[in-house]
Amino acid sequence: MGIEIIGEKSNINQFLDIKPITYKEAVKVAFAKIEGNEIISSWKDAFISSRNKKRVSTKYLKVPKFGCFKDIKERQVRDENRTLEKIWAIGGENGWYYGTTLWKIRGYLDKLVGGIGLRRGRTNQTDIKTGDALDFWRVLLADKEQKRLILFAEMKLPGEAWLEFQVAKGKVYQRATFRPRGLWGRLYWYSVLPFHGFIFNGMINKLANA
C-alpha cells in the first residue's frame, strides 16, 4: 500500500459467512484450474491489456472492404469439424501451425517497439470466446454455429489488420485484411507480403488437412 494506516481487526468474514483459505491453498487451486482449462478470464482478456484506447470489438465486427489490402485463400477440407477444432485452438502454446519461428520473431519485434508481443497467449487451449485475447490479436467474433472466427490485430502497426477464418460448404476460407495508415502503411504491407505468402499458405494447408 502507498499510505501507512493503522488497521483494526474486522469481523466481516463472520457477517458474510466466509472462511478464507491460506495463500498456499489459493495457489494450489489456481494451478489446478489452469491445468483443467477452467480459467474463465484473466488480466490479458481486458481491453486495457491491448494498449488500445478504443474498444474495437463492436465497432469493427464487420471487416472493412474499401481502402484495404487483402490476402484471401481457400482450400477444400477433409473434415469440417476437425478443421473447425483446429481453428478454435489456434495460437498460444498450440502455435499458428506454420512458420512458428517467423511468428515468434514478429512478436519479438512488436515488443521492441512497445507492443504486447506474444506474451498473452490464450486463456483456454481448446476453446475461444468473443472478447478473448489471443497472442497479439483480439477475438472480435467467435461463432461456432456460423463456423467463423474474426481476429483484430493489437500489435504496433501503421494501420489496422484483421484475420478471419470461416468453414463453409466443404471449404476453409482465410482472409487477411489490412487498412494502411498513410505511406508507411502501404510500404509495410508490401514489405511483409512475401512472408504472408509463405506463412498464410502453410497455415491454411494445415487447417484444410486436419
N, C-alpha and C. Protein backbone atom coordinates (compact mmCIF):
# COMPACT_ATOMS: atom_id res chain seq x y z
N MET A 1 0.84 -1.20 0.00
CA MET A 1 0.00 0.00 0.00
C MET A 1 0.87 1.24 0.00
N GLY A 2 0.40 2.30 -0.59
CA GLY A 2 1.17 3.52 -0.69
C GLY A 2 1.03 4.43 0.53
N ILE A 3 0.03 4.16 1.36
CA ILE A 3 -0.23 5.02 2.52
C ILE A 3 -0.22 4.17 3.79
N GLU A 4 0.49 4.63 4.80
CA GLU A 4 0.53 3.89 6.06
C GLU A 4 -0.79 4.10 6.81
N ILE A 5 -1.34 3.01 7.33
CA ILE A 5 -2.58 3.10 8.11
C ILE A 5 -2.45 2.20 9.34
N ILE A 6 -3.30 2.43 10.30
CA ILE A 6 -3.39 1.56 11.47
C ILE A 6 -4.63 0.71 11.28
N GLY A 7 -4.43 -0.57 11.07
CA GLY A 7 -5.55 -1.46 10.81
C GLY A 7 -6.10 -2.09 12.08
N GLU A 8 -7.39 -2.29 12.11
CA GLU A 8 -8.03 -2.97 13.23
C GLU A 8 -8.67 -4.26 12.73
N LYS A 9 -8.75 -5.23 13.60
CA LYS A 9 -9.36 -6.49 13.22
C LYS A 9 -10.83 -6.29 12.86
N SER A 10 -11.27 -7.02 11.86
CA SER A 10 -12.65 -6.89 11.39
C SER A 10 -13.35 -8.24 11.48
N ASN A 11 -14.61 -8.21 11.76
CA ASN A 11 -15.40 -9.45 11.80
C ASN A 11 -16.29 -9.58 10.55
N ILE A 12 -15.81 -8.98 9.43
CA ILE A 12 -16.60 -9.02 8.19
C ILE A 12 -16.81 -10.45 7.70
N ASN A 13 -15.81 -11.33 7.94
CA ASN A 13 -15.95 -12.72 7.49
C ASN A 13 -17.10 -13.43 8.19
N GLN A 14 -17.32 -13.08 9.44
CA GLN A 14 -18.44 -13.69 10.18
C GLN A 14 -19.77 -13.19 9.64
N PHE A 15 -19.83 -11.88 9.34
CA PHE A 15 -21.06 -11.32 8.78
C PHE A 15 -21.43 -11.97 7.45
N LEU A 16 -20.39 -12.20 6.61
CA LEU A 16 -20.63 -12.75 5.27
C LEU A 16 -20.53 -14.27 5.23
N ASP A 17 -20.25 -14.86 6.36
CA ASP A 17 -20.12 -16.32 6.45
C ASP A 17 -19.07 -16.83 5.46
N ILE A 18 -17.89 -16.23 5.51
CA ILE A 18 -16.78 -16.59 4.63
C ILE A 18 -15.64 -17.16 5.45
N LYS A 19 -15.05 -18.23 4.97
CA LYS A 19 -13.88 -18.81 5.61
C LYS A 19 -12.71 -18.70 4.65
N PRO A 20 -11.83 -17.71 4.84
CA PRO A 20 -10.70 -17.52 3.93
C PRO A 20 -9.75 -18.72 3.94
N ILE A 21 -9.13 -18.96 2.78
CA ILE A 21 -8.13 -20.03 2.70
C ILE A 21 -6.74 -19.40 2.73
N THR A 22 -5.73 -20.21 2.96
CA THR A 22 -4.36 -19.69 3.04
C THR A 22 -3.83 -19.37 1.65
N TYR A 23 -2.72 -18.65 1.63
CA TYR A 23 -2.08 -18.30 0.36
C TYR A 23 -1.68 -19.56 -0.40
N LYS A 24 -1.07 -20.52 0.28
CA LYS A 24 -0.63 -21.75 -0.38
C LYS A 24 -1.82 -22.50 -0.98
N GLU A 25 -2.92 -22.53 -0.25
CA GLU A 25 -4.12 -23.21 -0.76
C GLU A 25 -4.66 -22.50 -2.01
N ALA A 26 -4.61 -21.17 -1.98
CA ALA A 26 -5.11 -20.39 -3.12
C ALA A 26 -4.27 -20.65 -4.37
N VAL A 27 -2.94 -20.75 -4.19
CA VAL A 27 -2.05 -21.02 -5.31
C VAL A 27 -2.33 -22.41 -5.89
N LYS A 28 -2.53 -23.40 -5.03
CA LYS A 28 -2.82 -24.76 -5.48
C LYS A 28 -4.13 -24.79 -6.29
N VAL A 29 -5.14 -24.09 -5.81
CA VAL A 29 -6.43 -24.05 -6.51
C VAL A 29 -6.27 -23.38 -7.88
N ALA A 30 -5.49 -22.28 -7.92
CA ALA A 30 -5.28 -21.55 -9.18
C ALA A 30 -4.60 -22.44 -10.21
N PHE A 31 -3.54 -23.16 -9.82
CA PHE A 31 -2.83 -24.02 -10.76
C PHE A 31 -3.70 -25.20 -11.20
N ALA A 32 -4.53 -25.69 -10.30
CA ALA A 32 -5.43 -26.79 -10.67
C ALA A 32 -6.41 -26.33 -11.74
N LYS A 33 -6.90 -25.08 -11.62
CA LYS A 33 -7.84 -24.55 -12.61
C LYS A 33 -7.15 -24.32 -13.95
N ILE A 34 -5.90 -23.86 -13.91
CA ILE A 34 -5.15 -23.65 -15.14
C ILE A 34 -4.93 -24.97 -15.87
N GLU A 35 -4.55 -26.01 -15.12
CA GLU A 35 -4.31 -27.32 -15.74
C GLU A 35 -5.59 -27.91 -16.31
N GLY A 36 -6.72 -27.57 -15.70
CA GLY A 36 -8.00 -28.10 -16.17
C GLY A 36 -8.71 -27.20 -17.16
N ASN A 37 -8.01 -26.14 -17.64
CA ASN A 37 -8.61 -25.19 -18.59
C ASN A 37 -9.90 -24.59 -18.05
N GLU A 38 -9.92 -24.26 -16.76
CA GLU A 38 -11.13 -23.73 -16.14
C GLU A 38 -11.07 -22.23 -15.88
N ILE A 39 -10.02 -21.58 -16.42
CA ILE A 39 -9.88 -20.14 -16.21
C ILE A 39 -10.86 -19.42 -17.13
N ILE A 40 -11.81 -18.70 -16.55
CA ILE A 40 -12.84 -18.01 -17.34
C ILE A 40 -12.26 -16.75 -17.99
N SER A 41 -11.48 -16.00 -17.24
CA SER A 41 -10.86 -14.79 -17.79
C SER A 41 -9.62 -14.46 -16.97
N SER A 42 -8.81 -13.55 -17.47
CA SER A 42 -7.61 -13.13 -16.76
C SER A 42 -7.29 -11.70 -17.14
N TRP A 43 -6.19 -11.17 -16.58
CA TRP A 43 -5.81 -9.78 -16.86
C TRP A 43 -5.65 -9.52 -18.34
N LYS A 44 -5.16 -10.50 -19.10
CA LYS A 44 -4.86 -10.27 -20.51
C LYS A 44 -6.11 -10.18 -21.37
N ASP A 45 -7.26 -10.64 -20.82
CA ASP A 45 -8.50 -10.56 -21.58
C ASP A 45 -9.13 -9.18 -21.51
N ALA A 46 -8.64 -8.33 -20.60
CA ALA A 46 -9.17 -6.97 -20.51
C ALA A 46 -8.69 -6.16 -21.70
N PHE A 47 -9.53 -5.26 -22.20
CA PHE A 47 -9.14 -4.46 -23.36
C PHE A 47 -7.97 -3.55 -23.05
N ILE A 48 -7.81 -3.18 -21.77
CA ILE A 48 -6.70 -2.29 -21.43
C ILE A 48 -5.37 -2.98 -21.64
N SER A 49 -5.34 -4.32 -21.61
CA SER A 49 -4.08 -5.04 -21.83
C SER A 49 -3.60 -4.91 -23.26
N SER A 50 -4.48 -4.46 -24.14
CA SER A 50 -4.11 -4.33 -25.55
C SER A 50 -3.37 -3.03 -25.84
N ARG A 51 -3.37 -2.10 -24.87
CA ARG A 51 -2.77 -0.78 -25.05
C ARG A 51 -3.57 0.07 -26.03
N ASN A 52 -4.70 -0.43 -26.49
CA ASN A 52 -5.57 0.36 -27.37
C ASN A 52 -6.53 1.18 -26.53
N LYS A 53 -6.78 2.40 -26.91
CA LYS A 53 -7.67 3.26 -26.15
C LYS A 53 -9.13 3.03 -26.53
N LYS A 54 -9.36 2.44 -27.71
CA LYS A 54 -10.72 2.23 -28.19
C LYS A 54 -11.12 0.78 -28.05
N ARG A 55 -12.37 0.54 -27.70
CA ARG A 55 -12.90 -0.82 -27.69
C ARG A 55 -13.27 -1.16 -29.13
N VAL A 56 -12.53 -2.08 -29.72
CA VAL A 56 -12.69 -2.33 -31.15
C VAL A 56 -13.69 -3.43 -31.44
N SER A 57 -14.12 -4.18 -30.45
CA SER A 57 -14.88 -5.39 -30.73
C SER A 57 -16.24 -5.10 -31.38
N THR A 58 -16.89 -4.05 -30.97
CA THR A 58 -18.20 -3.76 -31.54
C THR A 58 -18.09 -2.90 -32.79
N LYS A 59 -17.12 -2.03 -32.82
CA LYS A 59 -17.01 -1.10 -33.96
C LYS A 59 -16.57 -1.82 -35.22
N TYR A 60 -15.74 -2.84 -35.09
CA TYR A 60 -15.15 -3.48 -36.26
C TYR A 60 -15.59 -4.92 -36.44
N LEU A 61 -16.81 -5.24 -36.03
CA LEU A 61 -17.29 -6.60 -36.24
C LEU A 61 -17.37 -6.93 -37.72
N LYS A 62 -17.69 -5.93 -38.53
CA LYS A 62 -17.68 -6.13 -39.98
C LYS A 62 -16.34 -5.67 -40.51
N VAL A 63 -15.62 -6.60 -41.09
CA VAL A 63 -14.29 -6.26 -41.62
C VAL A 63 -14.47 -5.31 -42.80
N PRO A 64 -13.76 -4.19 -42.82
CA PRO A 64 -13.92 -3.22 -43.92
C PRO A 64 -13.51 -3.79 -45.27
N LYS A 65 -14.10 -3.25 -46.33
CA LYS A 65 -13.83 -3.73 -47.68
C LYS A 65 -13.07 -2.73 -48.52
N PHE A 66 -13.26 -1.44 -48.25
CA PHE A 66 -12.70 -0.42 -49.12
C PHE A 66 -11.43 0.18 -48.51
N GLY A 67 -10.50 0.54 -49.39
CA GLY A 67 -9.24 1.13 -48.95
C GLY A 67 -8.34 0.15 -48.22
N CYS A 68 -8.50 -1.14 -48.50
CA CYS A 68 -7.76 -2.17 -47.79
C CYS A 68 -6.97 -3.07 -48.75
N PHE A 69 -5.89 -3.62 -48.24
CA PHE A 69 -5.18 -4.69 -48.93
C PHE A 69 -5.70 -6.01 -48.38
N LYS A 70 -5.82 -7.02 -49.24
CA LYS A 70 -6.38 -8.29 -48.81
C LYS A 70 -5.54 -9.46 -49.29
N ASP A 71 -5.50 -10.48 -48.47
CA ASP A 71 -4.88 -11.75 -48.84
C ASP A 71 -5.92 -12.82 -48.55
N ILE A 72 -6.57 -13.33 -49.59
CA ILE A 72 -7.68 -14.27 -49.42
C ILE A 72 -7.30 -15.63 -49.99
N LYS A 73 -7.49 -16.66 -49.18
CA LYS A 73 -7.16 -18.01 -49.62
C LYS A 73 -8.30 -18.95 -49.25
N GLU A 74 -8.45 -20.02 -50.01
CA GLU A 74 -9.46 -21.04 -49.70
C GLU A 74 -8.92 -22.41 -50.09
N ARG A 75 -9.37 -23.42 -49.35
CA ARG A 75 -8.94 -24.79 -49.61
C ARG A 75 -10.11 -25.74 -49.33
N GLN A 76 -10.14 -26.85 -50.06
CA GLN A 76 -11.06 -27.93 -49.74
C GLN A 76 -10.59 -28.58 -48.44
N VAL A 77 -11.55 -28.96 -47.59
CA VAL A 77 -11.18 -29.57 -46.30
C VAL A 77 -11.54 -31.05 -46.29
N ARG A 78 -10.78 -31.82 -45.53
CA ARG A 78 -11.07 -33.25 -45.39
C ARG A 78 -12.22 -33.48 -44.42
N ASP A 79 -12.23 -32.70 -43.34
CA ASP A 79 -13.23 -32.88 -42.29
C ASP A 79 -13.54 -31.50 -41.71
N GLU A 80 -14.74 -30.98 -41.94
CA GLU A 80 -15.09 -29.63 -41.48
C GLU A 80 -14.96 -29.49 -39.98
N ASN A 81 -15.41 -30.50 -39.24
CA ASN A 81 -15.39 -30.42 -37.78
C ASN A 81 -13.95 -30.39 -37.25
N ARG A 82 -13.09 -31.21 -37.83
CA ARG A 82 -11.70 -31.22 -37.38
C ARG A 82 -11.01 -29.90 -37.71
N THR A 83 -11.30 -29.35 -38.89
CA THR A 83 -10.72 -28.06 -39.27
C THR A 83 -11.20 -26.97 -38.33
N LEU A 84 -12.48 -27.00 -37.98
CA LEU A 84 -13.03 -26.00 -37.06
C LEU A 84 -12.37 -26.12 -35.68
N GLU A 85 -12.17 -27.33 -35.21
CA GLU A 85 -11.50 -27.53 -33.92
C GLU A 85 -10.08 -26.97 -33.97
N LYS A 86 -9.42 -27.17 -35.10
CA LYS A 86 -8.06 -26.66 -35.27
C LYS A 86 -8.05 -25.13 -35.23
N ILE A 87 -9.03 -24.51 -35.86
CA ILE A 87 -9.13 -23.06 -35.86
C ILE A 87 -9.37 -22.55 -34.45
N TRP A 88 -10.25 -23.22 -33.73
CA TRP A 88 -10.62 -22.81 -32.37
C TRP A 88 -9.47 -23.00 -31.37
N ALA A 89 -8.45 -23.75 -31.75
CA ALA A 89 -7.32 -23.99 -30.86
C ALA A 89 -6.07 -23.24 -31.30
N ILE A 90 -6.20 -22.34 -32.27
CA ILE A 90 -5.04 -21.67 -32.84
C ILE A 90 -4.41 -20.69 -31.85
N GLY A 91 -3.10 -20.51 -31.94
CA GLY A 91 -2.40 -19.54 -31.11
C GLY A 91 -1.99 -20.07 -29.75
N GLY A 92 -1.34 -19.22 -28.98
CA GLY A 92 -0.88 -19.61 -27.65
C GLY A 92 0.15 -20.72 -27.74
N GLU A 93 0.09 -21.67 -26.81
CA GLU A 93 1.03 -22.79 -26.81
C GLU A 93 0.80 -23.71 -28.00
N ASN A 94 -0.40 -23.67 -28.59
CA ASN A 94 -0.67 -24.51 -29.76
C ASN A 94 0.01 -23.99 -31.03
N GLY A 95 0.40 -22.72 -31.01
CA GLY A 95 1.07 -22.14 -32.17
C GLY A 95 0.11 -21.81 -33.31
N TRP A 96 0.71 -21.35 -34.41
CA TRP A 96 -0.06 -20.94 -35.59
C TRP A 96 0.12 -21.92 -36.74
N TYR A 97 0.59 -23.11 -36.42
CA TYR A 97 0.62 -24.28 -37.31
C TYR A 97 1.65 -24.22 -38.42
N TYR A 98 2.19 -23.04 -38.69
CA TYR A 98 3.19 -22.96 -39.77
C TYR A 98 4.03 -21.70 -39.58
N GLY A 99 5.32 -21.83 -39.84
CA GLY A 99 6.21 -20.68 -39.70
C GLY A 99 6.32 -20.19 -38.27
N THR A 100 6.39 -21.11 -37.32
CA THR A 100 6.39 -20.76 -35.90
C THR A 100 7.50 -19.77 -35.57
N THR A 101 8.69 -19.99 -36.12
CA THR A 101 9.82 -19.10 -35.84
C THR A 101 9.53 -17.68 -36.31
N LEU A 102 8.90 -17.55 -37.48
CA LEU A 102 8.57 -16.22 -38.00
C LEU A 102 7.53 -15.52 -37.12
N TRP A 103 6.57 -16.29 -36.60
CA TRP A 103 5.57 -15.72 -35.69
C TRP A 103 6.26 -15.20 -34.42
N LYS A 104 7.22 -15.97 -33.91
CA LYS A 104 7.94 -15.55 -32.70
C LYS A 104 8.78 -14.30 -32.95
N ILE A 105 9.40 -14.25 -34.13
CA ILE A 105 10.19 -13.06 -34.49
C ILE A 105 9.29 -11.84 -34.57
N ARG A 106 8.10 -12.02 -35.17
CA ARG A 106 7.15 -10.90 -35.28
C ARG A 106 6.73 -10.42 -33.90
N GLY A 107 6.49 -11.36 -32.99
CA GLY A 107 6.13 -10.98 -31.63
C GLY A 107 7.26 -10.26 -30.92
N TYR A 108 8.50 -10.71 -31.14
CA TYR A 108 9.66 -10.07 -30.52
C TYR A 108 9.84 -8.64 -31.05
N LEU A 109 9.68 -8.47 -32.36
CA LEU A 109 9.80 -7.14 -32.95
C LEU A 109 8.72 -6.20 -32.43
N ASP A 110 7.53 -6.74 -32.20
CA ASP A 110 6.44 -5.93 -31.67
C ASP A 110 6.79 -5.43 -30.26
N LYS A 111 7.38 -6.30 -29.45
CA LYS A 111 7.77 -5.89 -28.09
C LYS A 111 8.86 -4.84 -28.12
N LEU A 112 9.76 -4.91 -29.11
CA LEU A 112 10.85 -3.94 -29.21
C LEU A 112 10.33 -2.52 -29.42
N VAL A 113 9.17 -2.40 -30.10
CA VAL A 113 8.62 -1.06 -30.37
C VAL A 113 7.50 -0.70 -29.39
N GLY A 114 7.44 -1.44 -28.27
CA GLY A 114 6.48 -1.11 -27.23
C GLY A 114 5.15 -1.83 -27.33
N GLY A 115 5.06 -2.85 -28.20
CA GLY A 115 3.82 -3.61 -28.34
C GLY A 115 3.72 -4.73 -27.30
N ILE A 116 2.70 -5.56 -27.43
CA ILE A 116 2.44 -6.61 -26.44
C ILE A 116 3.11 -7.92 -26.80
N GLY A 117 3.54 -8.07 -28.05
CA GLY A 117 4.19 -9.32 -28.45
C GLY A 117 3.26 -10.52 -28.30
N LEU A 118 3.86 -11.68 -28.08
CA LEU A 118 3.09 -12.91 -27.94
C LEU A 118 2.87 -13.30 -26.48
N ARG A 119 3.12 -12.38 -25.55
CA ARG A 119 3.15 -12.74 -24.14
C ARG A 119 1.80 -13.15 -23.58
N ARG A 120 0.69 -12.76 -24.22
CA ARG A 120 -0.61 -13.03 -23.62
C ARG A 120 -1.08 -14.46 -23.85
N GLY A 121 -0.63 -15.09 -24.94
CA GLY A 121 -1.06 -16.45 -25.21
C GLY A 121 -2.57 -16.53 -25.35
N ARG A 122 -3.16 -17.59 -24.75
CA ARG A 122 -4.61 -17.73 -24.74
C ARG A 122 -5.04 -18.33 -23.42
N THR A 123 -6.27 -18.03 -23.00
CA THR A 123 -6.75 -18.48 -21.70
C THR A 123 -7.04 -19.96 -21.69
N ASN A 124 -7.67 -20.47 -22.74
CA ASN A 124 -8.06 -21.87 -22.82
C ASN A 124 -7.45 -22.47 -24.08
N GLN A 125 -6.88 -23.66 -23.96
CA GLN A 125 -6.15 -24.25 -25.09
C GLN A 125 -7.05 -24.84 -26.17
N THR A 126 -8.32 -25.06 -25.87
CA THR A 126 -9.21 -25.70 -26.83
C THR A 126 -10.45 -24.88 -27.17
N ASP A 127 -10.74 -23.85 -26.38
CA ASP A 127 -11.95 -23.07 -26.61
C ASP A 127 -11.59 -21.60 -26.69
N ILE A 128 -12.42 -20.85 -27.37
CA ILE A 128 -12.17 -19.42 -27.54
C ILE A 128 -13.50 -18.69 -27.60
N LYS A 129 -13.52 -17.49 -27.04
CA LYS A 129 -14.77 -16.73 -26.97
C LYS A 129 -14.55 -15.30 -27.46
N THR A 130 -15.62 -14.68 -27.91
CA THR A 130 -15.57 -13.28 -28.34
C THR A 130 -15.06 -12.41 -27.19
N GLY A 131 -14.08 -11.57 -27.48
CA GLY A 131 -13.51 -10.69 -26.46
C GLY A 131 -12.20 -11.20 -25.89
N ASP A 132 -11.88 -12.48 -26.13
CA ASP A 132 -10.64 -13.04 -25.60
C ASP A 132 -9.42 -12.39 -26.23
N ALA A 133 -8.32 -12.37 -25.47
CA ALA A 133 -7.03 -12.01 -26.03
C ALA A 133 -6.39 -13.27 -26.59
N LEU A 134 -5.72 -13.15 -27.72
CA LEU A 134 -5.08 -14.30 -28.37
C LEU A 134 -3.73 -13.85 -28.93
N ASP A 135 -2.67 -14.08 -28.16
CA ASP A 135 -1.35 -13.56 -28.53
C ASP A 135 -1.46 -12.05 -28.77
N PHE A 136 -1.09 -11.56 -29.97
CA PHE A 136 -1.23 -10.12 -30.19
C PHE A 136 -2.50 -9.80 -31.00
N TRP A 137 -3.50 -10.68 -30.87
CA TRP A 137 -4.81 -10.45 -31.51
C TRP A 137 -5.89 -10.32 -30.44
N ARG A 138 -7.02 -9.73 -30.85
CA ARG A 138 -8.23 -9.70 -30.02
C ARG A 138 -9.32 -10.42 -30.80
N VAL A 139 -10.05 -11.29 -30.14
CA VAL A 139 -11.13 -12.05 -30.79
C VAL A 139 -12.36 -11.15 -30.89
N LEU A 140 -12.70 -10.76 -32.11
CA LEU A 140 -13.88 -9.92 -32.33
C LEU A 140 -15.14 -10.76 -32.45
N LEU A 141 -14.99 -11.94 -33.04
CA LEU A 141 -16.15 -12.82 -33.23
C LEU A 141 -15.68 -14.27 -33.20
N ALA A 142 -16.33 -15.05 -32.35
CA ALA A 142 -16.07 -16.49 -32.29
C ALA A 142 -17.42 -17.18 -32.27
N ASP A 143 -17.90 -17.56 -33.45
CA ASP A 143 -19.23 -18.13 -33.60
C ASP A 143 -19.11 -19.52 -34.21
N LYS A 144 -19.26 -20.55 -33.37
CA LYS A 144 -19.11 -21.91 -33.86
C LYS A 144 -20.28 -22.35 -34.73
N GLU A 145 -21.45 -21.77 -34.51
CA GLU A 145 -22.60 -22.12 -35.34
C GLU A 145 -22.37 -21.64 -36.77
N GLN A 146 -21.84 -20.42 -36.91
CA GLN A 146 -21.52 -19.90 -38.24
C GLN A 146 -20.17 -20.40 -38.73
N LYS A 147 -19.42 -21.09 -37.83
CA LYS A 147 -18.07 -21.59 -38.14
C LYS A 147 -17.18 -20.45 -38.62
N ARG A 148 -17.17 -19.37 -37.80
CA ARG A 148 -16.48 -18.16 -38.21
C ARG A 148 -15.72 -17.54 -37.04
N LEU A 149 -14.47 -17.17 -37.30
CA LEU A 149 -13.62 -16.54 -36.29
C LEU A 149 -12.99 -15.29 -36.89
N ILE A 150 -13.12 -14.15 -36.21
CA ILE A 150 -12.51 -12.90 -36.67
C ILE A 150 -11.58 -12.37 -35.58
N LEU A 151 -10.35 -12.08 -35.98
CA LEU A 151 -9.35 -11.54 -35.06
C LEU A 151 -8.95 -10.14 -35.50
N PHE A 152 -8.69 -9.28 -34.53
CA PHE A 152 -8.23 -7.92 -34.80
C PHE A 152 -6.84 -7.75 -34.19
N ALA A 153 -5.89 -7.24 -34.97
CA ALA A 153 -4.50 -7.13 -34.52
C ALA A 153 -4.34 -6.00 -33.51
N GLU A 154 -3.70 -6.32 -32.37
CA GLU A 154 -3.42 -5.30 -31.37
C GLU A 154 -1.92 -5.06 -31.24
N MET A 155 -1.16 -5.49 -32.23
CA MET A 155 0.26 -5.20 -32.29
C MET A 155 0.47 -3.79 -32.82
N LYS A 156 1.68 -3.29 -32.72
CA LYS A 156 2.00 -1.97 -33.24
C LYS A 156 2.08 -2.04 -34.76
N LEU A 157 1.19 -1.31 -35.44
CA LEU A 157 1.13 -1.35 -36.90
C LEU A 157 0.85 0.05 -37.46
N PRO A 158 1.32 0.33 -38.67
CA PRO A 158 0.96 1.58 -39.35
C PRO A 158 -0.38 1.40 -40.07
N GLY A 159 -1.38 0.97 -39.33
CA GLY A 159 -2.69 0.71 -39.90
C GLY A 159 -3.46 -0.26 -39.00
N GLU A 160 -4.48 -0.88 -39.56
CA GLU A 160 -5.31 -1.83 -38.82
C GLU A 160 -5.38 -3.15 -39.58
N ALA A 161 -5.40 -4.26 -38.85
CA ALA A 161 -5.36 -5.57 -39.51
C ALA A 161 -6.37 -6.52 -38.89
N TRP A 162 -6.96 -7.33 -39.75
CA TRP A 162 -7.92 -8.35 -39.34
C TRP A 162 -7.50 -9.70 -39.95
N LEU A 163 -7.78 -10.77 -39.24
CA LEU A 163 -7.55 -12.11 -39.75
C LEU A 163 -8.81 -12.91 -39.50
N GLU A 164 -9.38 -13.45 -40.58
CA GLU A 164 -10.68 -14.13 -40.49
C GLU A 164 -10.58 -15.55 -41.01
N PHE A 165 -11.23 -16.46 -40.29
CA PHE A 165 -11.34 -17.86 -40.71
C PHE A 165 -12.82 -18.23 -40.78
N GLN A 166 -13.17 -19.01 -41.81
CA GLN A 166 -14.55 -19.49 -41.92
C GLN A 166 -14.56 -20.83 -42.64
N VAL A 167 -15.39 -21.73 -42.14
CA VAL A 167 -15.56 -23.03 -42.77
C VAL A 167 -16.98 -23.10 -43.32
N ALA A 168 -17.10 -23.39 -44.62
CA ALA A 168 -18.42 -23.45 -45.23
C ALA A 168 -18.37 -24.27 -46.52
N LYS A 169 -19.37 -25.11 -46.72
CA LYS A 169 -19.54 -25.88 -47.95
C LYS A 169 -18.30 -26.67 -48.33
N GLY A 170 -17.72 -27.31 -47.32
CA GLY A 170 -16.57 -28.17 -47.60
C GLY A 170 -15.26 -27.44 -47.83
N LYS A 171 -15.23 -26.13 -47.54
CA LYS A 171 -14.01 -25.35 -47.73
C LYS A 171 -13.68 -24.55 -46.47
N VAL A 172 -12.40 -24.21 -46.33
CA VAL A 172 -11.97 -23.29 -45.29
C VAL A 172 -11.47 -22.02 -45.98
N TYR A 173 -11.95 -20.88 -45.49
CA TYR A 173 -11.57 -19.58 -46.05
C TYR A 173 -10.70 -18.84 -45.03
N GLN A 174 -9.66 -18.24 -45.52
CA GLN A 174 -8.74 -17.49 -44.66
C GLN A 174 -8.54 -16.11 -45.30
N ARG A 175 -8.93 -15.07 -44.58
CA ARG A 175 -8.87 -13.72 -45.14
C ARG A 175 -8.05 -12.81 -44.24
N ALA A 176 -6.98 -12.28 -44.76
CA ALA A 176 -6.16 -11.29 -44.05
C ALA A 176 -6.45 -9.93 -44.68
N THR A 177 -6.85 -8.97 -43.86
CA THR A 177 -7.21 -7.64 -44.35
C THR A 177 -6.36 -6.60 -43.62
N PHE A 178 -5.83 -5.66 -44.37
CA PHE A 178 -5.01 -4.60 -43.78
C PHE A 178 -5.44 -3.25 -44.34
N ARG A 179 -5.80 -2.33 -43.43
CA ARG A 179 -6.15 -0.97 -43.84
C ARG A 179 -4.97 -0.07 -43.46
N PRO A 180 -4.18 0.36 -44.45
CA PRO A 180 -2.95 1.12 -44.16
C PRO A 180 -3.24 2.54 -43.69
N ARG A 181 -2.29 3.06 -42.93
CA ARG A 181 -2.36 4.44 -42.50
C ARG A 181 -1.24 5.21 -43.18
N GLY A 182 -1.58 5.90 -44.25
CA GLY A 182 -0.60 6.70 -44.97
C GLY A 182 0.41 5.88 -45.76
N LEU A 183 1.48 6.54 -46.15
CA LEU A 183 2.51 5.91 -46.97
C LEU A 183 3.22 4.78 -46.23
N TRP A 184 3.51 4.98 -44.94
CA TRP A 184 4.20 3.95 -44.17
C TRP A 184 3.37 2.67 -44.11
N GLY A 185 2.07 2.81 -44.06
CA GLY A 185 1.21 1.64 -44.03
C GLY A 185 1.30 0.83 -45.32
N ARG A 186 1.34 1.52 -46.43
CA ARG A 186 1.45 0.84 -47.72
C ARG A 186 2.81 0.17 -47.88
N LEU A 187 3.86 0.87 -47.45
CA LEU A 187 5.20 0.29 -47.52
C LEU A 187 5.30 -0.95 -46.63
N TYR A 188 4.65 -0.88 -45.48
CA TYR A 188 4.67 -2.02 -44.56
C TYR A 188 4.02 -3.25 -45.22
N TRP A 189 2.87 -3.05 -45.85
CA TRP A 189 2.16 -4.17 -46.46
C TRP A 189 3.02 -4.86 -47.52
N TYR A 190 3.64 -4.07 -48.39
CA TYR A 190 4.44 -4.67 -49.47
C TYR A 190 5.73 -5.31 -48.92
N SER A 191 6.22 -4.81 -47.80
CA SER A 191 7.44 -5.38 -47.23
C SER A 191 7.20 -6.75 -46.60
N VAL A 192 5.98 -6.96 -46.06
CA VAL A 192 5.69 -8.25 -45.41
C VAL A 192 4.96 -9.21 -46.35
N LEU A 193 4.61 -8.74 -47.54
CA LEU A 193 3.84 -9.58 -48.47
C LEU A 193 4.53 -10.91 -48.78
N PRO A 194 5.84 -10.95 -49.03
CA PRO A 194 6.49 -12.25 -49.30
C PRO A 194 6.35 -13.23 -48.13
N PHE A 195 6.43 -12.71 -46.89
CA PHE A 195 6.29 -13.58 -45.72
C PHE A 195 4.85 -14.06 -45.57
N HIS A 196 3.90 -13.19 -45.93
CA HIS A 196 2.49 -13.60 -45.88
C HIS A 196 2.24 -14.79 -46.81
N GLY A 197 2.80 -14.71 -48.01
CA GLY A 197 2.61 -15.81 -48.96
C GLY A 197 3.13 -17.12 -48.42
N PHE A 198 4.24 -17.07 -47.71
CA PHE A 198 4.84 -18.26 -47.13
C PHE A 198 4.04 -18.77 -45.93
N ILE A 199 3.74 -17.87 -44.99
CA ILE A 199 3.08 -18.27 -43.74
C ILE A 199 1.62 -18.62 -43.96
N PHE A 200 0.89 -17.75 -44.66
CA PHE A 200 -0.55 -17.97 -44.80
C PHE A 200 -0.88 -19.19 -45.66
N ASN A 201 -0.06 -19.47 -46.68
CA ASN A 201 -0.28 -20.69 -47.47
C ASN A 201 -0.08 -21.93 -46.60
N GLY A 202 1.00 -21.92 -45.83
CA GLY A 202 1.26 -23.07 -44.96
C GLY A 202 0.21 -23.25 -43.91
N MET A 203 -0.29 -22.14 -43.35
CA MET A 203 -1.28 -22.22 -42.28
C MET A 203 -2.61 -22.79 -42.79
N ILE A 204 -3.09 -22.30 -43.93
CA ILE A 204 -4.38 -22.79 -44.42
C ILE A 204 -4.27 -24.23 -44.89
N ASN A 205 -3.11 -24.64 -45.38
CA ASN A 205 -2.93 -26.04 -45.77
C ASN A 205 -3.02 -26.96 -44.56
N LYS A 206 -2.45 -26.51 -43.44
CA LYS A 206 -2.53 -27.30 -42.20
C LYS A 206 -3.98 -27.41 -41.72
N LEU A 207 -4.71 -26.31 -41.84
CA LEU A 207 -6.12 -26.31 -41.42
C LEU A 207 -6.95 -27.21 -42.31
N ALA A 208 -6.71 -27.15 -43.61
CA ALA A 208 -7.51 -27.92 -44.57
C ALA A 208 -7.27 -29.41 -44.41
N ASN A 209 -6.05 -29.79 -44.04
CA ASN A 209 -5.70 -31.21 -43.92
C ASN A 209 -5.82 -31.76 -42.53
N ALA A 210 -6.51 -31.04 -41.66
CA ALA A 210 -6.66 -31.50 -40.28
C ALA A 210 -7.33 -32.86 -40.23
